[in-house]
Amino acid sequence: MKRTAYDVVIRPIISEQSMEDMDIKKYVFEVAPDATKVEIARAIEEIFDVRVIKVNTLHVRGRAKRVGANPAGRTKNWKKAVVKLSADSKNIEIFENMA
């Protein structure tokens, strides 16, 4: 079964750093752990109707976590993608009202 763009891009990441990078047209997303850079670029272009020129990815390891006296566990591992848009692309509206 073929994956849709919404299966590749899970959610946007909202942080101080990602808000600052919006000025230079860089956006950060959580993506499917097995997604490739090409798949991520195509999905972002399809969802937001923009032109992607670069995609950087990294795997974020889960942190050790504990709640009260319960035994220690871990948060989930996930994959992050930093997407750079071309200069003539429009901004992604999802982030507009955050800054």
PDB file of N, CA and C in Angstrom:
ATOM      1  N   MET A   1       0.833  -1.187   0.000  1.00  0.00           N
ATOM      2  CA  MET A   1       0.000   0.000   0.000  1.00  0.00           C
ATOM      3  C   MET A   1       0.877   1.250   0.000  1.00  0.00           C
ATOM      4  N   LYS A   2       0.546   2.192  -0.856  1.00  0.00           N
ATOM      5  CA  LYS A   2       1.337   3.413  -0.995  1.00  0.00           C
ATOM      6  C   LYS A   2       1.038   4.381   0.146  1.00  0.00           C
ATOM      7  N   ARG A   3       2.096   5.006   0.668  1.00  0.00           N
ATOM      8  CA  ARG A   3       1.922   5.974   1.749  1.00  0.00           C
ATOM      9  C   ARG A   3       1.500   7.318   1.192  1.00  0.00           C
ATOM     10  N   THR A   4       0.656   8.010   1.929  1.00  0.00           N
ATOM     11  CA  THR A   4       0.266   9.361   1.536  1.00  0.00           C
ATOM     12  C   THR A   4       1.237  10.349   2.167  1.00  0.00           C
ATOM     13  N   ALA A   5       1.146  11.602   1.748  1.00  0.00           N
ATOM     14  CA  ALA A   5       2.005  12.651   2.308  1.00  0.00           C
ATOM     15  C   ALA A   5       1.752  12.807   3.806  1.00  0.00           C
ATOM     16  N   TYR A   6       0.509  12.569   4.226  1.00  0.00           N
ATOM     17  CA  TYR A   6       0.165  12.710   5.643  1.00  0.00           C
ATOM     18  C   TYR A   6       0.670  11.549   6.491  1.00  0.00           C
ATOM     19  N   ASP A   7       1.032  10.435   5.857  1.00  0.00           N
ATOM     20  CA  ASP A   7       1.666   9.336   6.577  1.00  0.00           C
ATOM     21  C   ASP A   7       3.142   9.631   6.813  1.00  0.00           C
ATOM     22  N   VAL A   8       3.748  10.426   5.940  1.00  0.00           N
ATOM     23  CA  VAL A   8       5.171  10.750   6.048  1.00  0.00           C
ATOM     24  C   VAL A   8       5.387  11.870   7.071  1.00  0.00           C
ATOM     25  N   VAL A   9       4.605  12.952   6.959  1.00  0.00           N
ATOM     26  CA  VAL A   9       4.741  14.102   7.865  1.00  0.00           C
ATOM     27  C   VAL A   9       3.744  13.922   9.004  1.00  0.00           C
ATOM     28  N   ILE A  10       4.245  13.811  10.228  1.00  0.00           N
ATOM     29  CA  ILE A  10       3.379  13.544  11.373  1.00  0.00           C
ATOM     30  C   ILE A  10       2.873  14.841  12.005  1.00  0.00           C
ATOM     31  N   ARG A  11       3.781  15.757  12.344  1.00  0.00           N
ATOM     32  CA  ARG A  11       3.373  17.019  12.972  1.00  0.00           C
ATOM     33  C   ARG A  11       4.497  18.039  12.875  1.00  0.00           C
ATOM     34  N   PRO A  12       4.161  19.336  12.962  1.00  0.00           N
ATOM     35  CA  PRO A  12       5.212  20.352  13.023  1.00  0.00           C
ATOM     36  C   PRO A  12       5.787  20.414  14.436  1.00  0.00           C
ATOM     37  N   ILE A  13       7.036  20.805  14.542  1.00  0.00           N
ATOM     38  CA  ILE A  13       7.689  20.968  15.837  1.00  0.00           C
ATOM     39  C   ILE A  13       7.735  22.462  16.147  1.00  0.00           C
ATOM     40  N   ILE A  14       7.131  22.855  17.269  1.00  0.00           N
ATOM     41  CA  ILE A  14       7.089  24.254  17.673  1.00  0.00           C
ATOM     42  C   ILE A  14       8.047  24.431  18.847  1.00  0.00           C
ATOM     43  N   SER A  15       9.126  25.176  18.627  1.00  0.00           N
ATOM     44  CA  SER A  15      10.088  25.471  19.687  1.00  0.00           C
ATOM     45  C   SER A  15      10.682  26.842  19.410  1.00  0.00           C
ATOM     46  N   GLU A  16      11.441  27.355  20.350  1.00  0.00           N
ATOM     47  CA  GLU A  16      12.068  28.665  20.152  1.00  0.00           C
ATOM     48  C   GLU A  16      12.990  28.648  18.940  1.00  0.00           C
ATOM     49  N   GLN A  17      13.771  27.600  18.816  1.00  0.00           N
ATOM     50  CA  GLN A  17      14.702  27.509  17.694  1.00  0.00           C
ATOM     51  C   GLN A  17      13.967  27.436  16.364  1.00  0.00           C
ATOM     52  N   SER A  18      12.907  26.626  16.301  1.00  0.00           N
ATOM     53  CA  SER A  18      12.180  26.510  15.035  1.00  0.00           C
ATOM     54  C   SER A  18      11.478  27.816  14.676  1.00  0.00           C
ATOM     55  N   MET A  19      11.044  28.573  15.668  1.00  0.00           N
ATOM     56  CA  MET A  19      10.407  29.870  15.400  1.00  0.00           C
ATOM     57  C   MET A  19      11.425  30.860  14.830  1.00  0.00           C
ATOM     58  N   GLU A  20      12.651  30.845  15.341  1.00  0.00           N
ATOM     59  CA  GLU A  20      13.702  31.736  14.830  1.00  0.00           C
ATOM     60  C   GLU A  20      14.094  31.371  13.402  1.00  0.00           C
ATOM     61  N   ASP A  21      14.107  30.077  13.091  1.00  0.00           N
ATOM     62  CA  ASP A  21      14.508  29.620  11.761  1.00  0.00           C
ATOM     63  C   ASP A  21      13.466  29.920  10.687  1.00  0.00           C
ATOM     64  N   MET A  22      12.254  30.289  11.092  1.00  0.00           N
ATOM     65  CA  MET A  22      11.225  30.635  10.107  1.00  0.00           C
ATOM     66  C   MET A  22      11.653  31.822   9.248  1.00  0.00           C
ATOM     67  N   ASP A  23      12.446  32.740   9.816  1.00  0.00           N
ATOM     68  CA  ASP A  23      12.891  33.923   9.080  1.00  0.00           C
ATOM     69  C   ASP A  23      13.728  33.550   7.866  1.00  0.00           C
ATOM     70  N   ILE A  24      14.440  32.437   7.957  1.00  0.00           N
ATOM     71  CA  ILE A  24      15.261  31.997   6.827  1.00  0.00           C
ATOM     72  C   ILE A  24      14.612  30.828   6.091  1.00  0.00           C
ATOM     73  N   LYS A  25      13.293  30.682   6.268  1.00  0.00           N
ATOM     74  CA  LYS A  25      12.472  29.674   5.579  1.00  0.00           C
ATOM     75  C   LYS A  25      12.898  28.241   5.883  1.00  0.00           C
ATOM     76  N   LYS A  26      13.216  27.988   7.163  1.00  0.00           N
ATOM     77  CA  LYS A  26      13.482  26.632   7.627  1.00  0.00           C
ATOM     78  C   LYS A  26      12.346  26.228   8.555  1.00  0.00           C
ATOM     79  N   TYR A  27      11.804  25.039   8.338  1.00  0.00           N
ATOM     80  CA  TYR A  27      10.706  24.539   9.144  1.00  0.00           C
ATOM     81  C   TYR A  27      11.050  23.146   9.651  1.00  0.00           C
ATOM     82  N   VAL A  28      10.568  22.806  10.847  1.00  0.00           N
ATOM     83  CA  VAL A  28      10.918  21.543  11.487  1.00  0.00           C
ATOM     84  C   VAL A  28       9.658  20.700  11.661  1.00  0.00           C
ATOM     85  N   PHE A  29       9.766  19.407  11.309  1.00  0.00           N
ATOM     86  CA  PHE A  29       8.634  18.491  11.395  1.00  0.00           C
ATOM     87  C   PHE A  29       9.068  17.166  12.014  1.00  0.00           C
ATOM     88  N   GLU A  30       8.125  16.506  12.686  1.00  0.00           N
ATOM     89  CA  GLU A  30       8.320  15.111  13.052  1.00  0.00           C
ATOM     90  C   GLU A  30       7.833  14.296  11.863  1.00  0.00           C
ATOM     91  N   VAL A  31       8.639  13.332  11.445  1.00  0.00           N
ATOM     92  CA  VAL A  31       8.297  12.535  10.264  1.00  0.00           C
ATOM     93  C   VAL A  31       8.351  11.048  10.614  1.00  0.00           C
ATOM     94  N   ALA A  32       7.842  10.232   9.700  1.00  0.00           N
ATOM     95  CA  ALA A  32       7.867   8.779   9.891  1.00  0.00           C
ATOM     96  C   ALA A  32       9.313   8.309  10.006  1.00  0.00           C
ATOM     97  N   PRO A  33       9.591   7.398  10.940  1.00  0.00           N
ATOM     98  CA  PRO A  33      10.979   6.965  11.173  1.00  0.00           C
ATOM     99  C   PRO A  33      11.667   6.357   9.957  1.00  0.00           C
ATOM    100  N   ASP A  34      10.910   5.775   9.031  1.00  0.00           N
ATOM    101  CA  ASP A  34      11.524   5.139   7.864  1.00  0.00           C
ATOM    102  C   ASP A  34      11.415   6.000   6.604  1.00  0.00           C
ATOM    103  N   ALA A  35      11.004   7.264   6.753  1.00  0.00           N
ATOM    104  CA  ALA A  35      10.855   8.151   5.596  1.00  0.00           C
ATOM    105  C   ALA A  35      12.224   8.613   5.094  1.00  0.00           C
ATOM    106  N   THR A  36      12.369   8.682   3.776  1.00  0.00           N
ATOM    107  CA  THR A  36      13.612   9.166   3.182  1.00  0.00           C
ATOM    108  C   THR A  36      13.512  10.671   2.950  1.00  0.00           C
ATOM    109  N   LYS A  37      14.641  11.302   2.662  1.00  0.00           N
ATOM    110  CA  LYS A  37      14.658  12.742   2.408  1.00  0.00           C
ATOM    111  C   LYS A  37      13.811  13.108   1.189  1.00  0.00           C
ATOM    112  N   VAL A  38      13.852  12.268   0.166  1.00  0.00           N
ATOM    113  CA  VAL A  38      13.069  12.523  -1.048  1.00  0.00           C
ATOM    114  C   VAL A  38      11.578  12.437  -0.741  1.00  0.00           C
ATOM    115  N   GLU A  39      11.174  11.424   0.021  1.00  0.00           N
ATOM    116  CA  GLU A  39       9.767  11.282   0.410  1.00  0.00           C
ATOM    117  C   GLU A  39       9.305  12.488   1.233  1.00  0.00           C
ATOM    118  N   ILE A  40      10.149  12.941   2.151  1.00  0.00           N
ATOM    119  CA  ILE A  40       9.809  14.079   3.008  1.00  0.00           C
ATOM    120  C   ILE A  40       9.635  15.332   2.159  1.00  0.00           C
ATOM    121  N   ALA A  41      10.561  15.578   1.235  1.00  0.00           N
ATOM    122  CA  ALA A  41      10.477  16.755   0.374  1.00  0.00           C
ATOM    123  C   ALA A  41       9.202  16.733  -0.458  1.00  0.00           C
ATOM    124  N   ARG A  42       8.885  15.591  -1.049  1.00  0.00           N
ATOM    125  CA  ARG A  42       7.662  15.481  -1.868  1.00  0.00           C
ATOM    126  C   ARG A  42       6.410  15.688  -1.025  1.00  0.00           C
ATOM    127  N   ALA A  43       6.405  15.151   0.196  1.00  0.00           N
ATOM    128  CA  ALA A  43       5.235  15.291   1.069  1.00  0.00           C
ATOM    129  C   ALA A  43       5.019  16.749   1.474  1.00  0.00           C
ATOM    130  N   ILE A  44       6.078  17.453   1.833  1.00  0.00           N
ATOM    131  CA  ILE A  44       5.963  18.866   2.223  1.00  0.00           C
ATOM    132  C   ILE A  44       5.487  19.688   1.029  1.00  0.00           C
ATOM    133  N   GLU A  45       6.031  19.418  -0.154  1.00  0.00           N
ATOM    134  CA  GLU A  45       5.610  20.152  -1.355  1.00  0.00           C
ATOM    135  C   GLU A  45       4.140  19.899  -1.665  1.00  0.00           C
ATOM    136  N   GLU A  46       3.692  18.662  -1.478  1.00  0.00           N
ATOM    137  CA  GLU A  46       2.294  18.324  -1.770  1.00  0.00           C
ATOM    138  C   GLU A  46       1.340  18.944  -0.751  1.00  0.00           C
ATOM    139  N   ILE A  47       1.677  18.865   0.526  1.00  0.00           N
ATOM    140  CA  ILE A  47       0.770  19.354   1.574  1.00  0.00           C
ATOM    141  C   ILE A  47       0.671  20.877   1.571  1.00  0.00           C
ATOM    142  N   PHE A  48       1.824  21.566   1.489  1.00  0.00           N
ATOM    143  CA  PHE A  48       1.838  23.015   1.677  1.00  0.00           C
ATOM    144  C   PHE A  48       2.003  23.808   0.379  1.00  0.00           C
ATOM    145  N   ASP A  49       2.159  23.146  -0.754  1.00  0.00           N
ATOM    146  CA  ASP A  49       2.306  23.807  -2.054  1.00  0.00           C
ATOM    147  C   ASP A  49       3.472  24.798  -2.059  1.00  0.00           C
ATOM    148  N   VAL A  50       4.640  24.316  -1.663  1.00  0.00           N
ATOM    149  CA  VAL A  50       5.874  25.112  -1.628  1.00  0.00           C
ATOM    150  C   VAL A  50       6.959  24.348  -2.369  1.00  0.00           C
ATOM    151  N   ARG A  51       8.138  24.950  -2.528  1.00  0.00           N
ATOM    152  CA  ARG A  51       9.271  24.291  -3.185  1.00  0.00           C
ATOM    153  C   ARG A  51      10.381  24.060  -2.166  1.00  0.00           C
ATOM    154  N   VAL A  52      10.730  22.805  -1.950  1.00  0.00           N
ATOM    155  CA  VAL A  52      11.758  22.418  -0.979  1.00  0.00           C
ATOM    156  C   VAL A  52      13.093  22.322  -1.704  1.00  0.00           C
ATOM    157  N   ILE A  53      14.136  22.952  -1.126  1.00  0.00           N
ATOM    158  CA  ILE A  53      15.458  22.844  -1.745  1.00  0.00           C
ATOM    159  C   ILE A  53      16.421  21.978  -0.939  1.00  0.00           C
ATOM    160  N   LYS A  54      16.112  21.766   0.369  1.00  0.00           N
ATOM    161  CA  LYS A  54      17.018  20.964   1.179  1.00  0.00           C
ATOM    162  C   LYS A  54      16.260  20.324   2.337  1.00  0.00           C
ATOM    163  N   VAL A  55      16.632  19.087   2.672  1.00  0.00           N
ATOM    164  CA  VAL A  55      16.054  18.391   3.814  1.00  0.00           C
ATOM    165  C   VAL A  55      17.188  17.789   4.636  1.00  0.00           C
ATOM    166  N   ASN A  56      17.233  18.126   5.920  1.00  0.00           N
ATOM    167  CA  ASN A  56      18.166  17.498   6.849  1.00  0.00           C
ATOM    168  C   ASN A  56      17.353  16.669   7.830  1.00  0.00           C
ATOM    169  N   THR A  57      17.815  15.464   8.125  1.00  0.00           N
ATOM    170  CA  THR A  57      17.078  14.602   9.048  1.00  0.00           C
ATOM    171  C   THR A  57      17.980  14.141  10.177  1.00  0.00           C
ATOM    172  N   LEU A  58      17.359  13.804  11.314  1.00  0.00           N
ATOM    173  CA  LEU A  58      18.094  13.201  12.412  1.00  0.00           C
ATOM    174  C   LEU A  58      17.152  12.359  13.246  1.00  0.00           C
ATOM    175  N   HIS A  59      17.692  11.319  13.843  1.00  0.00           N
ATOM    176  CA  HIS A  59      16.915  10.461  14.727  1.00  0.00           C
ATOM    177  C   HIS A  59      17.072  10.997  16.143  1.00  0.00           C
ATOM    178  N   VAL A  60      15.944  11.210  16.824  1.00  0.00           N
ATOM    179  CA  VAL A  60      15.953  11.699  18.196  1.00  0.00           C
ATOM    180  C   VAL A  60      15.705  10.493  19.099  1.00  0.00           C
ATOM    181  N   ARG A  61      16.646  10.219  19.981  1.00  0.00           N
ATOM    182  CA  ARG A  61      16.529   9.070  20.861  1.00  0.00           C
ATOM    183  C   ARG A  61      15.612   9.396  22.029  1.00  0.00           C
ATOM    184  N   GLY A  62      14.838   8.419  22.466  1.00  0.00           N
ATOM    185  CA  GLY A  62      13.937   8.606  23.596  1.00  0.00           C
ATOM    186  C   GLY A  62      14.707   8.813  24.888  1.00  0.00           C
ATOM    187  N   ARG A  63      14.139   9.640  25.772  1.00  0.00           N
ATOM    188  CA  ARG A  63      14.789   9.922  27.048  1.00  0.00           C
ATOM    189  C   ARG A  63      14.307   8.953  28.118  1.00  0.00           C
ATOM    190  N   ALA A  64      15.127   8.737  29.130  1.00  0.00           N
ATOM    191  CA  ALA A  64      14.713   7.936  30.279  1.00  0.00           C
ATOM    192  C   ALA A  64      13.674   8.734  31.053  1.00  0.00           C
ATOM    193  N   LYS A  65      12.640   8.058  31.506  1.00  0.00           N
ATOM    194  CA  LYS A  65      11.537   8.754  32.161  1.00  0.00           C
ATOM    195  C   LYS A  65      10.994   7.888  33.286  1.00  0.00           C
ATOM    196  N   ARG A  66      10.511   8.545  34.352  1.00  0.00           N
ATOM    197  CA  ARG A  66       9.952   7.822  35.484  1.00  0.00           C
ATOM    198  C   ARG A  66       8.798   8.618  36.059  1.00  0.00           C
ATOM    199  N   VAL A  67       7.771   7.951  36.508  1.00  0.00           N
ATOM    200  CA  VAL A  67       6.652   8.625  37.158  1.00  0.00           C
ATOM    201  C   VAL A  67       6.499   8.036  38.552  1.00  0.00           C
ATOM    202  N   GLY A  68       6.792   8.826  39.574  1.00  0.00           N
ATOM    203  CA  GLY A  68       6.652   8.372  40.960  1.00  0.00           C
ATOM    204  C   GLY A  68       7.491   7.141  41.242  1.00  0.00           C
ATOM    205  N   ALA A  69       6.870   6.158  41.892  1.00  0.00           N
ATOM    206  CA  ALA A  69       7.592   4.947  42.282  1.00  0.00           C
ATOM    207  C   ALA A  69       7.598   3.900  41.174  1.00  0.00           C
ATOM    208  N   ASN A  70       6.942   4.199  40.063  1.00  0.00           N
ATOM    209  CA  ASN A  70       6.888   3.233  38.964  1.00  0.00           C
ATOM    210  C   ASN A  70       8.278   2.983  38.402  1.00  0.00           C
ATOM    211  N   PRO A  71       8.488   1.826  37.783  1.00  0.00           N
ATOM    212  CA  PRO A  71       9.814   1.558  37.212  1.00  0.00           C
ATOM    213  C   PRO A  71      10.118   2.504  36.053  1.00  0.00           C
ATOM    214  N   ALA A  72      11.384   2.685  35.831  1.00  0.00           N
ATOM    215  CA  ALA A  72      11.829   3.601  34.786  1.00  0.00           C
ATOM    216  C   ALA A  72      11.402   3.095  33.415  1.00  0.00           C
ATOM    217  N   GLY A  73      11.111   4.034  32.521  1.00  0.00           N
ATOM    218  CA  GLY A  73      10.756   3.687  31.154  1.00  0.00           C
ATOM    219  C   GLY A  73      11.460   4.650  30.212  1.00  0.00           C
ATOM    220  N   ARG A  74      11.003   4.697  28.973  1.00  0.00           N
ATOM    221  CA  ARG A  74      11.600   5.597  27.993  1.00  0.00           C
ATOM    222  C   ARG A  74      10.493   6.251  27.182  1.00  0.00           C
ATOM    223  N   THR A  75      10.777   7.474  26.710  1.00  0.00           N
ATOM    224  CA  THR A  75       9.883   8.086  25.740  1.00  0.00           C
ATOM    225  C   THR A  75      10.220   7.480  24.381  1.00  0.00           C
ATOM    226  N   LYS A  76       9.372   7.674  23.408  1.00  0.00           N
ATOM    227  CA  LYS A  76       9.581   7.003  22.126  1.00  0.00           C
ATOM    228  C   LYS A  76      10.712   7.659  21.322  1.00  0.00           C
ATOM    229  N   ASN A  77      11.358   6.875  20.487  1.00  0.00           N
ATOM    230  CA  ASN A  77      12.316   7.390  19.521  1.00  0.00           C
ATOM    231  C   ASN A  77      11.525   7.952  18.353  1.00  0.00           C
ATOM    232  N   TRP A  78      12.041   9.035  17.737  1.00  0.00           N
ATOM    233  CA  TRP A  78      11.334   9.614  16.599  1.00  0.00           C
ATOM    234  C   TRP A  78      12.333  10.273  15.657  1.00  0.00           C
ATOM    235  N   LYS A  79      11.849  10.660  14.485  1.00  0.00           N
ATOM    236  CA  LYS A  79      12.719  11.243  13.470  1.00  0.00           C
ATOM    237  C   LYS A  79      12.289  12.681  13.212  1.00  0.00           C
ATOM    238  N   LYS A  80      13.271  13.559  13.138  1.00  0.00           N
ATOM    239  CA  LYS A  80      13.034  14.983  12.920  1.00  0.00           C
ATOM    240  C   LYS A  80      13.581  15.369  11.549  1.00  0.00           C
ATOM    241  N   ALA A  81      12.842  16.244  10.847  1.00  0.00           N
ATOM    242  CA  ALA A  81      13.295  16.740   9.550  1.00  0.00           C
ATOM    243  C   ALA A  81      13.286  18.260   9.571  1.00  0.00           C
ATOM    244  N   VAL A  82      14.401  18.865   9.161  1.00  0.00           N
ATOM    245  CA  VAL A  82      14.500  20.314   9.005  1.00  0.00           C
ATOM    246  C   VAL A  82      14.440  20.576   7.502  1.00  0.00           C
ATOM    247  N   VAL A  83      13.398  21.313   7.085  1.00  0.00           N
ATOM    248  CA  VAL A  83      13.124  21.529   5.668  1.00  0.00           C
ATOM    249  C   VAL A  83      13.418  22.979   5.313  1.00  0.00           C
ATOM    250  N   LYS A  84      14.250  23.194   4.291  1.00  0.00           N
ATOM    251  CA  LYS A  84      14.578  24.545   3.813  1.00  0.00           C
ATOM    252  C   LYS A  84      13.812  24.787   2.520  1.00  0.00           C
ATOM    253  N   LEU A  85      13.070  25.911   2.474  1.00  0.00           N
ATOM    254  CA  LEU A  85      12.285  26.247   1.293  1.00  0.00           C
ATOM    255  C   LEU A  85      13.054  27.197   0.396  1.00  0.00           C
ATOM    256  N   SER A  86      12.690  27.233  -0.876  1.00  0.00           N
ATOM    257  CA  SER A  86      13.326  28.165  -1.810  1.00  0.00           C
ATOM    258  C   SER A  86      12.907  29.590  -1.465  1.00  0.00           C
ATOM    259  N   ALA A  87      13.693  30.560  -1.902  1.00  0.00           N
ATOM    260  CA  ALA A  87      13.451  31.970  -1.575  1.00  0.00           C
ATOM    261  C   ALA A  87      12.125  32.468  -2.143  1.00  0.00           C
ATOM    262  N   ASP A  88      11.707  31.926  -3.295  1.00  0.00           N
ATOM    263  CA  ASP A  88      10.469  32.397  -3.907  1.00  0.00           C
ATOM    264  C   ASP A  88       9.230  31.632  -3.417  1.00  0.00           C
ATOM    265  N   SER A  89       9.397  30.657  -2.518  1.00  0.00           N
ATOM    266  CA  SER A  89       8.255  29.924  -1.970  1.00  0.00           C
ATOM    267  C   SER A  89       7.524  30.782  -0.949  1.00  0.00           C
ATOM    268  N   LYS A  90       6.216  30.539  -0.837  1.00  0.00           N
ATOM    269  CA  LYS A  90       5.454  31.234   0.200  1.00  0.00           C
ATOM    270  C   LYS A  90       5.760  30.593   1.552  1.00  0.00           C
ATOM    271  N   ASN A  91       5.431  31.305   2.631  1.00  0.00           N
ATOM    272  CA  ASN A  91       5.631  30.758   3.969  1.00  0.00           C
ATOM    273  C   ASN A  91       4.561  29.709   4.260  1.00  0.00           C
ATOM    274  N   ILE A  92       4.865  28.811   5.194  1.00  0.00           N
ATOM    275  CA  ILE A  92       3.901  27.792   5.590  1.00  0.00           C
ATOM    276  C   ILE A  92       2.988  28.405   6.649  1.00  0.00           C
ATOM    277  N   GLU A  93       1.683  28.403   6.384  1.00  0.00           N
ATOM    278  CA  GLU A  93       0.729  29.123   7.224  1.00  0.00           C
ATOM    279  C   GLU A  93       0.597  28.554   8.626  1.00  0.00           C
ATOM    280  N   ILE A  94       0.877  27.262   8.802  1.00  0.00           N
ATOM    281  CA  ILE A  94       0.708  26.621  10.099  1.00  0.00           C
ATOM    282  C   ILE A  94       1.497  27.355  11.189  1.00  0.00           C
ATOM    283  N   PHE A  95       2.616  27.944  10.817  1.00  0.00           N
ATOM    284  CA  PHE A  95       3.503  28.578  11.778  1.00  0.00           C
ATOM    285  C   PHE A  95       3.251  30.079  11.920  1.00  0.00           C
ATOM    286  N   GLU A  96       2.406  30.645  11.095  1.00  0.00           N
ATOM    287  CA  GLU A  96       2.261  32.117  11.010  1.00  0.00           C
ATOM    288  C   GLU A  96       1.878  32.761  12.334  1.00  0.00           C
ATOM    289  N   ASN A  97       0.870  32.257  13.027  1.00  0.00           N
ATOM    290  CA  ASN A  97       0.346  32.908  14.219  1.00  0.00           C
ATOM    291  C   ASN A  97       1.069  32.513  15.494  1.00  0.00           C
ATOM    292  N   MET A  98       2.130  31.735  15.372  1.00  0.00           N
ATOM    293  CA  MET A  98       2.850  31.256  16.552  1.00  0.00           C
ATOM    294  C   MET A  98       3.847  32.285  17.079  1.00  0.00           C
ATOM    295  N   ALA A  99       4.485  33.015  16.171  1.00  0.00           N
ATOM    296  CA  ALA A  99       5.579  33.904  16.572  1.00  0.00           C
ATOM    297  C   ALA A  99       5.095  35.107  17.354  1.00  0.00           C
TER     298      ALA A  99
END
